[in-house]
Amino acid sequence: MAIELPGVEEKDIDVTVDEGMVTVRGEKKEEREEKGDTWYFSERQYGSFSRSFRLPADADQSKISADLKDGVLTLTVARAAPEVAKSRKVPIGKS
């Protein structure tokens, strides 16, 4: 599964797994400033997002990984026999 997150840094993304549900939360912060001899332009954009996905019954919740590269967050889920797993945070690696 891949999620496009242009301009969002790894430190601003949180991926969690809880009772068969993967949740990706984050915040985008962008600031732009330009100056000229007779003008000044400043723009700030902030926004939070959250997206949840139900895992298939044969997903191994303990073997989920996340990688962020070029603004694309890729979640990899291993298949296994259905089991109940505890909530945990998924670390984001660099490819």
PDB file of N, CA and C in Angstrom:
ATOM      1  N   MET A   1       0.852  -1.157   0.000  1.00  0.00           N
ATOM      2  CA  MET A   1       0.000   0.000   0.000  1.00  0.00           C
ATOM      3  C   MET A   1       0.905   1.230   0.000  1.00  0.00           C
ATOM      4  N   ALA A   2       0.595   2.209  -0.826  1.00  0.00           N
ATOM      5  CA  ALA A   2       1.395   3.433  -0.909  1.00  0.00           C
ATOM      6  C   ALA A   2       0.493   4.647  -0.716  1.00  0.00           C
ATOM      7  N   ILE A   3       1.011   5.617   0.026  1.00  0.00           N
ATOM      8  CA  ILE A   3       0.280   6.857   0.291  1.00  0.00           C
ATOM      9  C   ILE A   3       1.182   8.013  -0.106  1.00  0.00           C
ATOM     10  N   GLU A   4       0.708   8.898  -0.960  1.00  0.00           N
ATOM     11  CA  GLU A   4       1.482  10.054  -1.372  1.00  0.00           C
ATOM     12  C   GLU A   4       1.390  11.132  -0.303  1.00  0.00           C
ATOM     13  N   LEU A   5       2.549  11.565   0.197  1.00  0.00           N
ATOM     14  CA  LEU A   5       2.614  12.591   1.229  1.00  0.00           C
ATOM     15  C   LEU A   5       3.673  13.622   0.856  1.00  0.00           C
ATOM     16  N   PRO A   6       3.503  14.340  -0.259  1.00  0.00           N
ATOM     17  CA  PRO A   6       4.525  15.299  -0.677  1.00  0.00           C
ATOM     18  C   PRO A   6       4.694  16.420   0.342  1.00  0.00           C
ATOM     19  N   GLY A   7       5.934  16.737   0.656  1.00  0.00           N
ATOM     20  CA  GLY A   7       6.221  17.820   1.582  1.00  0.00           C
ATOM     21  C   GLY A   7       6.078  17.476   3.044  1.00  0.00           C
ATOM     22  N   VAL A   8       5.724  16.227   3.374  1.00  0.00           N
ATOM     23  CA  VAL A   8       5.568  15.818   4.771  1.00  0.00           C
ATOM     24  C   VAL A   8       6.830  15.077   5.202  1.00  0.00           C
ATOM     25  N   GLU A   9       7.408  15.497   6.308  1.00  0.00           N
ATOM     26  CA  GLU A   9       8.625  14.875   6.812  1.00  0.00           C
ATOM     27  C   GLU A   9       8.295  13.666   7.690  1.00  0.00           C
ATOM     28  N   GLU A  10       9.272  12.763   7.795  1.00  0.00           N
ATOM     29  CA  GLU A  10       9.098  11.536   8.581  1.00  0.00           C
ATOM     30  C   GLU A  10       8.690  11.831  10.022  1.00  0.00           C
ATOM     31  N   LYS A  11       9.284  12.873  10.604  1.00  0.00           N
ATOM     32  CA  LYS A  11       8.986  13.209  12.002  1.00  0.00           C
ATOM     33  C   LYS A  11       7.539  13.665  12.206  1.00  0.00           C
ATOM     34  N   ASP A  12       6.869  14.027  11.112  1.00  0.00           N
ATOM     35  CA  ASP A  12       5.489  14.504  11.197  1.00  0.00           C
ATOM     36  C   ASP A  12       4.460  13.429  10.855  1.00  0.00           C
ATOM     37  N   ILE A  13       4.918  12.162  10.726  1.00  0.00           N
ATOM     38  CA  ILE A  13       4.029  11.050  10.381  1.00  0.00           C
ATOM     39  C   ILE A  13       4.027  10.036  11.516  1.00  0.00           C
ATOM     40  N   ASP A  14       2.848   9.525  11.841  1.00  0.00           N
ATOM     41  CA  ASP A  14       2.694   8.506  12.875  1.00  0.00           C
ATOM     42  C   ASP A  14       1.868   7.356  12.290  1.00  0.00           C
ATOM     43  N   VAL A  15       2.430   6.147  12.311  1.00  0.00           N
ATOM     44  CA  VAL A  15       1.732   4.966  11.807  1.00  0.00           C
ATOM     45  C   VAL A  15       1.507   4.020  12.987  1.00  0.00           C
ATOM     46  N   THR A  16       0.244   3.631  13.222  1.00  0.00           N
ATOM     47  CA  THR A  16      -0.068   2.716  14.319  1.00  0.00           C
ATOM     48  C   THR A  16      -0.923   1.558  13.809  1.00  0.00           C
ATOM     49  N   VAL A  17      -0.839   0.437  14.547  1.00  0.00           N
ATOM     50  CA  VAL A  17      -1.650  -0.739  14.258  1.00  0.00           C
ATOM     51  C   VAL A  17      -2.397  -1.093  15.535  1.00  0.00           C
ATOM     52  N   ASP A  18      -3.721  -1.248  15.424  1.00  0.00           N
ATOM     53  CA  ASP A  18      -4.522  -1.573  16.598  1.00  0.00           C
ATOM     54  C   ASP A  18      -5.736  -2.380  16.169  1.00  0.00           C
ATOM     55  N   GLU A  19      -5.827  -3.595  16.654  1.00  0.00           N
ATOM     56  CA  GLU A  19      -6.976  -4.480  16.422  1.00  0.00           C
ATOM     57  C   GLU A  19      -7.367  -4.578  14.948  1.00  0.00           C
ATOM     58  N   GLY A  20      -6.369  -4.834  14.107  1.00  0.00           N
ATOM     59  CA  GLY A  20      -6.640  -5.048  12.691  1.00  0.00           C
ATOM     60  C   GLY A  20      -6.834  -3.789  11.864  1.00  0.00           C
ATOM     61  N   MET A  21      -6.507  -2.638  12.444  1.00  0.00           N
ATOM     62  CA  MET A  21      -6.671  -1.361  11.746  1.00  0.00           C
ATOM     63  C   MET A  21      -5.323  -0.628  11.736  1.00  0.00           C
ATOM     64  N   VAL A  22      -4.892  -0.205  10.543  1.00  0.00           N
ATOM     65  CA  VAL A  22      -3.682   0.611  10.403  1.00  0.00           C
ATOM     66  C   VAL A  22      -4.134   2.055  10.263  1.00  0.00           C
ATOM     67  N   THR A  23      -3.541   2.941  11.060  1.00  0.00           N
ATOM     68  CA  THR A  23      -3.881   4.351  11.002  1.00  0.00           C
ATOM     69  C   THR A  23      -2.628   5.156  10.714  1.00  0.00           C
ATOM     70  N   VAL A  24      -2.713   6.012   9.715  1.00  0.00           N
ATOM     71  CA  VAL A  24      -1.616   6.919   9.359  1.00  0.00           C
ATOM     72  C   VAL A  24      -2.102   8.325   9.687  1.00  0.00           C
ATOM     73  N   ARG A  25      -1.353   9.010  10.578  1.00  0.00           N
ATOM     74  CA  ARG A  25      -1.688  10.378  10.971  1.00  0.00           C
ATOM     75  C   ARG A  25      -0.476  11.254  10.714  1.00  0.00           C
ATOM     76  N   GLY A  26      -0.734  12.503  10.457  1.00  0.00           N
ATOM     77  CA  GLY A  26       0.382  13.408  10.254  1.00  0.00           C
ATOM     78  C   GLY A  26      -0.067  14.839  10.150  1.00  0.00           C
ATOM     79  N   GLU A  27       0.945  15.689   9.950  1.00  0.00           N
ATOM     80  CA  GLU A  27       0.683  17.109   9.804  1.00  0.00           C
ATOM     81  C   GLU A  27       1.626  17.667   8.758  1.00  0.00           C
ATOM     82  N   LYS A  28       1.064  18.427   7.845  1.00  0.00           N
ATOM     83  CA  LYS A  28       1.867  19.063   6.809  1.00  0.00           C
ATOM     84  C   LYS A  28       2.075  20.518   7.202  1.00  0.00           C
ATOM     85  N   LYS A  29       3.341  20.945   7.164  1.00  0.00           N
ATOM     86  CA  LYS A  29       3.686  22.318   7.491  1.00  0.00           C
ATOM     87  C   LYS A  29       4.528  22.852   6.336  1.00  0.00           C
ATOM     88  N   GLU A  30       4.068  23.922   5.742  1.00  0.00           N
ATOM     89  CA  GLU A  30       4.806  24.499   4.624  1.00  0.00           C
ATOM     90  C   GLU A  30       4.813  26.010   4.762  1.00  0.00           C
ATOM     91  N   GLU A  31       5.986  26.591   4.625  1.00  0.00           N
ATOM     92  CA  GLU A  31       6.122  28.039   4.680  1.00  0.00           C
ATOM     93  C   GLU A  31       6.909  28.499   3.463  1.00  0.00           C
ATOM     94  N   ARG A  32       6.482  29.601   2.893  1.00  0.00           N
ATOM     95  CA  ARG A  32       7.150  30.147   1.719  1.00  0.00           C
ATOM     96  C   ARG A  32       7.261  31.652   1.905  1.00  0.00           C
ATOM     97  N   GLU A  33       8.444  32.173   1.651  1.00  0.00           N
ATOM     98  CA  GLU A  33       8.679  33.597   1.824  1.00  0.00           C
ATOM     99  C   GLU A  33       9.547  34.097   0.672  1.00  0.00           C
ATOM    100  N   GLU A  34       9.131  35.179   0.071  1.00  0.00           N
ATOM    101  CA  GLU A  34       9.893  35.799  -1.020  1.00  0.00           C
ATOM    102  C   GLU A  34       9.943  37.306  -0.779  1.00  0.00           C
ATOM    103  N   LYS A  35      11.076  37.891  -1.129  1.00  0.00           N
ATOM    104  CA  LYS A  35      11.239  39.332  -0.952  1.00  0.00           C
ATOM    105  C   LYS A  35      11.789  39.933  -2.240  1.00  0.00           C
ATOM    106  N   GLY A  36      11.336  41.132  -2.531  1.00  0.00           N
ATOM    107  CA  GLY A  36      11.842  41.906  -3.654  1.00  0.00           C
ATOM    108  C   GLY A  36      12.176  43.301  -3.178  1.00  0.00           C
ATOM    109  N   ASP A  37      12.571  44.149  -4.089  1.00  0.00           N
ATOM    110  CA  ASP A  37      12.919  45.527  -3.711  1.00  0.00           C
ATOM    111  C   ASP A  37      11.718  46.291  -3.172  1.00  0.00           C
ATOM    112  N   THR A  38      10.553  46.060  -3.782  1.00  0.00           N
ATOM    113  CA  THR A  38       9.365  46.814  -3.381  1.00  0.00           C
ATOM    114  C   THR A  38       8.215  45.934  -2.921  1.00  0.00           C
ATOM    115  N   TRP A  39       8.484  44.635  -2.697  1.00  0.00           N
ATOM    116  CA  TRP A  39       7.403  43.739  -2.304  1.00  0.00           C
ATOM    117  C   TRP A  39       7.901  42.636  -1.369  1.00  0.00           C
ATOM    118  N   TYR A  40       6.942  42.055  -0.668  1.00  0.00           N
ATOM    119  CA  TYR A  40       7.208  40.957   0.268  1.00  0.00           C
ATOM    120  C   TYR A  40       6.046  39.972   0.192  1.00  0.00           C
ATOM    121  N   PHE A  41       6.330  38.684   0.045  1.00  0.00           N
ATOM    122  CA  PHE A  41       5.296  37.646  -0.047  1.00  0.00           C
ATOM    123  C   PHE A  41       5.582  36.595   1.021  1.00  0.00           C
ATOM    124  N   SER A  42       4.574  36.265   1.815  1.00  0.00           N
ATOM    125  CA  SER A  42       4.706  35.246   2.848  1.00  0.00           C
ATOM    126  C   SER A  42       3.455  34.383   2.838  1.00  0.00           C
ATOM    127  N   GLU A  43       3.650  33.058   2.845  1.00  0.00           N
ATOM    128  CA  GLU A  43       2.525  32.127   2.812  1.00  0.00           C
ATOM    129  C   GLU A  43       2.832  30.959   3.747  1.00  0.00           C
ATOM    130  N   ARG A  44       1.842  30.586   4.542  1.00  0.00           N
ATOM    131  CA  ARG A  44       1.991  29.451   5.454  1.00  0.00           C
ATOM    132  C   ARG A  44       0.795  28.530   5.265  1.00  0.00           C
ATOM    133  N   GLN A  45       1.081  27.233   5.176  1.00  0.00           N
ATOM    134  CA  GLN A  45       0.005  26.246   5.053  1.00  0.00           C
ATOM    135  C   GLN A  45       0.235  25.160   6.097  1.00  0.00           C
ATOM    136  N   TYR A  46      -0.781  24.880   6.865  1.00  0.00           N
ATOM    137  CA  TYR A  46      -0.719  23.841   7.881  1.00  0.00           C
ATOM    138  C   TYR A  46      -1.974  22.983   7.761  1.00  0.00           C
ATOM    139  N   GLY A  47      -1.823  21.715   8.041  1.00  0.00           N
ATOM    140  CA  GLY A  47      -3.003  20.866   8.015  1.00  0.00           C
ATOM    141  C   GLY A  47      -2.705  19.481   8.543  1.00  0.00           C
ATOM    142  N   SER A  48      -3.641  18.934   9.277  1.00  0.00           N
ATOM    143  CA  SER A  48      -3.521  17.580   9.806  1.00  0.00           C
ATOM    144  C   SER A  48      -4.298  16.616   8.921  1.00  0.00           C
ATOM    145  N   PHE A  49      -3.863  15.364   8.925  1.00  0.00           N
ATOM    146  CA  PHE A  49      -4.589  14.343   8.183  1.00  0.00           C
ATOM    147  C   PHE A  49      -4.553  13.041   8.960  1.00  0.00           C
ATOM    148  N   SER A  50      -5.522  12.192   8.679  1.00  0.00           N
ATOM    149  CA  SER A  50      -5.603  10.876   9.296  1.00  0.00           C
ATOM    150  C   SER A  50      -6.328   9.953   8.324  1.00  0.00           C
ATOM    151  N   ARG A  51      -5.785   8.767   8.150  1.00  0.00           N
ATOM    152  CA  ARG A  51      -6.399   7.782   7.257  1.00  0.00           C
ATOM    153  C   ARG A  51      -6.253   6.417   7.898  1.00  0.00           C
ATOM    154  N   SER A  52      -7.338   5.648   7.936  1.00  0.00           N
ATOM    155  CA  SER A  52      -7.317   4.313   8.539  1.00  0.00           C
ATOM    156  C   SER A  52      -7.695   3.262   7.512  1.00  0.00           C
ATOM    157  N   PHE A  53      -7.065   2.102   7.637  1.00  0.00           N
ATOM    158  CA  PHE A  53      -7.309   0.986   6.734  1.00  0.00           C
ATOM    159  C   PHE A  53      -7.506  -0.286   7.549  1.00  0.00           C
ATOM    160  N   ARG A  54      -8.500  -1.067   7.200  1.00  0.00           N
ATOM    161  CA  ARG A  54      -8.719  -2.367   7.836  1.00  0.00           C
ATOM    162  C   ARG A  54      -7.781  -3.367   7.177  1.00  0.00           C
ATOM    163  N   LEU A  55      -7.066  -4.136   7.997  1.00  0.00           N
ATOM    164  CA  LEU A  55      -6.176  -5.174   7.477  1.00  0.00           C
ATOM    165  C   LEU A  55      -6.974  -6.417   7.101  1.00  0.00           C
ATOM    166  N   PRO A  56      -6.502  -7.164   6.107  1.00  0.00           N
ATOM    167  CA  PRO A  56      -7.171  -8.427   5.786  1.00  0.00           C
ATOM    168  C   PRO A  56      -6.993  -9.418   6.935  1.00  0.00           C
ATOM    169  N   ALA A  57      -7.851 -10.405   7.004  1.00  0.00           N
ATOM    170  CA  ALA A  57      -7.827 -11.373   8.097  1.00  0.00           C
ATOM    171  C   ALA A  57      -6.512 -12.153   8.167  1.00  0.00           C
ATOM    172  N   ASP A  58      -5.837 -12.341   7.041  1.00  0.00           N
ATOM    173  CA  ASP A  58      -4.597 -13.128   7.041  1.00  0.00           C
ATOM    174  C   ASP A  58      -3.343 -12.265   7.194  1.00  0.00           C
ATOM    175  N   ALA A  59      -3.479 -11.006   7.590  1.00  0.00           N
ATOM    176  CA  ALA A  59      -2.324 -10.126   7.795  1.00  0.00           C
ATOM    177  C   ALA A  59      -1.652 -10.427   9.133  1.00  0.00           C
ATOM    178  N   ASP A  60      -0.324 -10.393   9.137  1.00  0.00           N
ATOM    179  CA  ASP A  60       0.453 -10.559  10.364  1.00  0.00           C
ATOM    180  C   ASP A  60       0.737  -9.156  10.905  1.00  0.00           C
ATOM    181  N   GLN A  61      -0.002  -8.740  11.908  1.00  0.00           N
ATOM    182  CA  GLN A  61       0.115  -7.383  12.445  1.00  0.00           C
ATOM    183  C   GLN A  61       1.472  -7.087  13.057  1.00  0.00           C
ATOM    184  N   SER A  62       2.206  -8.110  13.444  1.00  0.00           N
ATOM    185  CA  SER A  62       3.524  -7.889  14.028  1.00  0.00           C
ATOM    186  C   SER A  62       4.598  -7.713  12.960  1.00  0.00           C
ATOM    187  N   LYS A  63       4.244  -7.904  11.692  1.00  0.00           N
ATOM    188  CA  LYS A  63       5.221  -7.782  10.608  1.00  0.00           C
ATOM    189  C   LYS A  63       4.779  -6.742   9.579  1.00  0.00           C
ATOM    190  N   ILE A  64       4.529  -5.533  10.065  1.00  0.00           N
ATOM    191  CA  ILE A  64       4.181  -4.417   9.195  1.00  0.00           C
ATOM    192  C   ILE A  64       5.349  -3.440   9.225  1.00  0.00           C
ATOM    193  N   SER A  65       5.763  -3.007   8.038  1.00  0.00           N
ATOM    194  CA  SER A  65       6.856  -2.038   7.964  1.00  0.00           C
ATOM    195  C   SER A  65       6.405  -0.830   7.150  1.00  0.00           C
ATOM    196  N   ALA A  66       7.074   0.294   7.378  1.00  0.00           N
ATOM    197  CA  ALA A  66       6.756   1.533   6.676  1.00  0.00           C
ATOM    198  C   ALA A  66       8.054   2.175   6.212  1.00  0.00           C
ATOM    199  N   ASP A  67       8.068   2.630   4.951  1.00  0.00           N
ATOM    200  CA  ASP A  67       9.228   3.319   4.381  1.00  0.00           C
ATOM    201  C   ASP A  67       8.752   4.602   3.716  1.00  0.00           C
ATOM    202  N   LEU A  68       9.502   5.682   3.926  1.00  0.00           N
ATOM    203  CA  LEU A  68       9.189   6.963   3.307  1.00  0.00           C
ATOM    204  C   LEU A  68      10.313   7.329   2.357  1.00  0.00           C
ATOM    205  N   LYS A  69       9.966   7.501   1.087  1.00  0.00           N
ATOM    206  CA  LYS A  69      10.967   7.862   0.080  1.00  0.00           C
ATOM    207  C   LYS A  69      10.310   8.749  -0.967  1.00  0.00           C
ATOM    208  N   ASP A  70      10.922   9.896  -1.233  1.00  0.00           N
ATOM    209  CA  ASP A  70      10.450  10.827  -2.260  1.00  0.00           C
ATOM    210  C   ASP A  70       8.975  11.188  -2.107  1.00  0.00           C
ATOM    211  N   GLY A  71       8.526  11.391  -0.859  1.00  0.00           N
ATOM    212  CA  GLY A  71       7.150  11.811  -0.611  1.00  0.00           C
ATOM    213  C   GLY A  71       6.107  10.718  -0.699  1.00  0.00           C
ATOM    214  N   VAL A  72       6.557   9.443  -0.768  1.00  0.00           N
ATOM    215  CA  VAL A  72       5.624   8.325  -0.832  1.00  0.00           C
ATOM    216  C   VAL A  72       5.876   7.408   0.366  1.00  0.00           C
ATOM    217  N   LEU A  73       4.844   7.206   1.183  1.00  0.00           N
ATOM    218  CA  LEU A  73       4.919   6.291   2.322  1.00  0.00           C
ATOM    219  C   LEU A  73       4.412   4.934   1.854  1.00  0.00           C
ATOM    220  N   THR A  74       5.284   3.916   1.945  1.00  0.00           N
ATOM    221  CA  THR A  74       4.910   2.567   1.529  1.00  0.00           C
ATOM    222  C   THR A  74       4.785   1.685   2.755  1.00  0.00           C
ATOM    223  N   LEU A  75       3.601   1.086   2.924  1.00  0.00           N
ATOM    224  CA  LEU A  75       3.364   0.147   4.025  1.00  0.00           C
ATOM    225  C   LEU A  75       3.389  -1.264   3.459  1.00  0.00           C
ATOM    226  N   THR A  76       4.168  -2.132   4.085  1.00  0.00           N
ATOM    227  CA  THR A  76       4.264  -3.526   3.663  1.00  0.00           C
ATOM    228  C   THR A  76       3.707  -4.390   4.781  1.00  0.00           C
ATOM    229  N   VAL A  77       2.766  -5.266   4.429  1.00  0.00           N
ATOM    230  CA  VAL A  77       2.104  -6.126   5.412  1.00  0.00           C
ATOM    231  C   VAL A  77       2.353  -7.580   5.025  1.00  0.00           C
ATOM    232  N   ALA A  78       2.927  -8.345   5.961  1.00  0.00           N
ATOM    233  CA  ALA A  78       3.163  -9.773   5.719  1.00  0.00           C
ATOM    234  C   ALA A  78       1.880 -10.555   5.976  1.00  0.00           C
ATOM    235  N   ARG A  79       1.735 -11.665   5.257  1.00  0.00           N
ATOM    236  CA  ARG A  79       0.576 -12.527   5.468  1.00  0.00           C
ATOM    237  C   ARG A  79       0.921 -13.642   6.439  1.00  0.00           C
ATOM    238  N   ALA A  80      -0.043 -14.009   7.243  1.00  0.00           N
ATOM    239  CA  ALA A  80       0.117 -15.089   8.218  1.00  0.00           C
ATOM    240  C   ALA A  80      -1.266 -15.568   8.622  1.00  0.00           C
ATOM    241  N   ALA A  81      -1.285 -16.539   9.518  1.00  0.00           N
ATOM    242  CA  ALA A  81      -2.560 -17.013  10.050  1.00  0.00           C
ATOM    243  C   ALA A  81      -3.178 -15.891  10.880  1.00  0.00           C
ATOM    244  N   PRO A  82      -4.500 -15.737  10.854  1.00  0.00           N
ATOM    245  CA  PRO A  82      -5.146 -14.681  11.640  1.00  0.00           C
ATOM    246  C   PRO A  82      -4.830 -14.821  13.128  1.00  0.00           C
ATOM    247  N   GLU A  83      -4.521 -13.690  13.756  1.00  0.00           N
ATOM    248  CA  GLU A  83      -4.238 -13.671  15.182  1.00  0.00           C
ATOM    249  C   GLU A  83      -4.581 -12.303  15.735  1.00  0.00           C
ATOM    250  N   VAL A  84      -4.722 -12.235  17.033  1.00  0.00           N
ATOM    251  CA  VAL A  84      -5.002 -10.973  17.693  1.00  0.00           C
ATOM    252  C   VAL A  84      -3.679 -10.411  18.187  1.00  0.00           C
ATOM    253  N   ALA A  85      -3.371  -9.186  17.789  1.00  0.00           N
ATOM    254  CA  ALA A  85      -2.119  -8.544  18.189  1.00  0.00           C
ATOM    255  C   ALA A  85      -2.425  -7.277  18.971  1.00  0.00           C
ATOM    256  N   LYS A  86      -1.466  -6.884  19.801  1.00  0.00           N
ATOM    257  CA  LYS A  86      -1.614  -5.669  20.587  1.00  0.00           C
ATOM    258  C   LYS A  86      -1.282  -4.461  19.718  1.00  0.00           C
ATOM    259  N   SER A  87      -1.729  -3.303  20.161  1.00  0.00           N
ATOM    260  CA  SER A  87      -1.437  -2.064  19.469  1.00  0.00           C
ATOM    261  C   SER A  87       0.053  -1.776  19.559  1.00  0.00           C
ATOM    262  N   ARG A  88       0.634  -1.297  18.446  1.00  0.00           N
ATOM    263  CA  ARG A  88       2.051  -0.948  18.465  1.00  0.00           C
ATOM    264  C   ARG A  88       2.308   0.154  17.457  1.00  0.00           C
ATOM    265  N   LYS A  89       3.402   0.876  17.623  1.00  0.00           N
ATOM    266  CA  LYS A  89       3.805   1.913  16.703  1.00  0.00           C
ATOM    267  C   LYS A  89       4.703   1.296  15.648  1.00  0.00           C
ATOM    268  N   VAL A  90       4.520   1.690  14.390  1.00  0.00           N
ATOM    269  CA  VAL A  90       5.312   1.163  13.280  1.00  0.00           C
ATOM    270  C   VAL A  90       6.387   2.179  12.952  1.00  0.00           C
ATOM    271  N   PRO A  91       7.685   1.817  13.075  1.00  0.00           N
ATOM    272  CA  PRO A  91       8.750   2.773  12.740  1.00  0.00           C
ATOM    273  C   PRO A  91       8.835   2.961  11.224  1.00  0.00           C
ATOM    274  N   ILE A  92       9.252   4.155  10.804  1.00  0.00           N
ATOM    275  CA  ILE A  92       9.398   4.468   9.391  1.00  0.00           C
ATOM    276  C   ILE A  92      10.878   4.414   9.046  1.00  0.00           C
ATOM    277  N   GLY A  93      11.232   3.573   8.069  1.00  0.00           N
ATOM    278  CA  GLY A  93      12.612   3.456   7.641  1.00  0.00           C
ATOM    279  C   GLY A  93      12.838   4.216   6.355  1.00  0.00           C
ATOM    280  N   LYS A  94      14.105   4.332   5.982  1.00  0.00           N
ATOM    281  CA  LYS A  94      14.454   5.008   4.742  1.00  0.00           C
ATOM    282  C   LYS A  94      14.958   3.970   3.755  1.00  0.00           C
ATOM    283  N   SER A  95      14.445   4.025   2.535  1.00  0.00           N
ATOM    284  CA  SER A  95      14.845   3.083   1.500  1.00  0.00           C
ATOM    285  C   SER A  95      16.136   3.512   0.855  1.00  0.00           C
TER     286      SER A  95
END
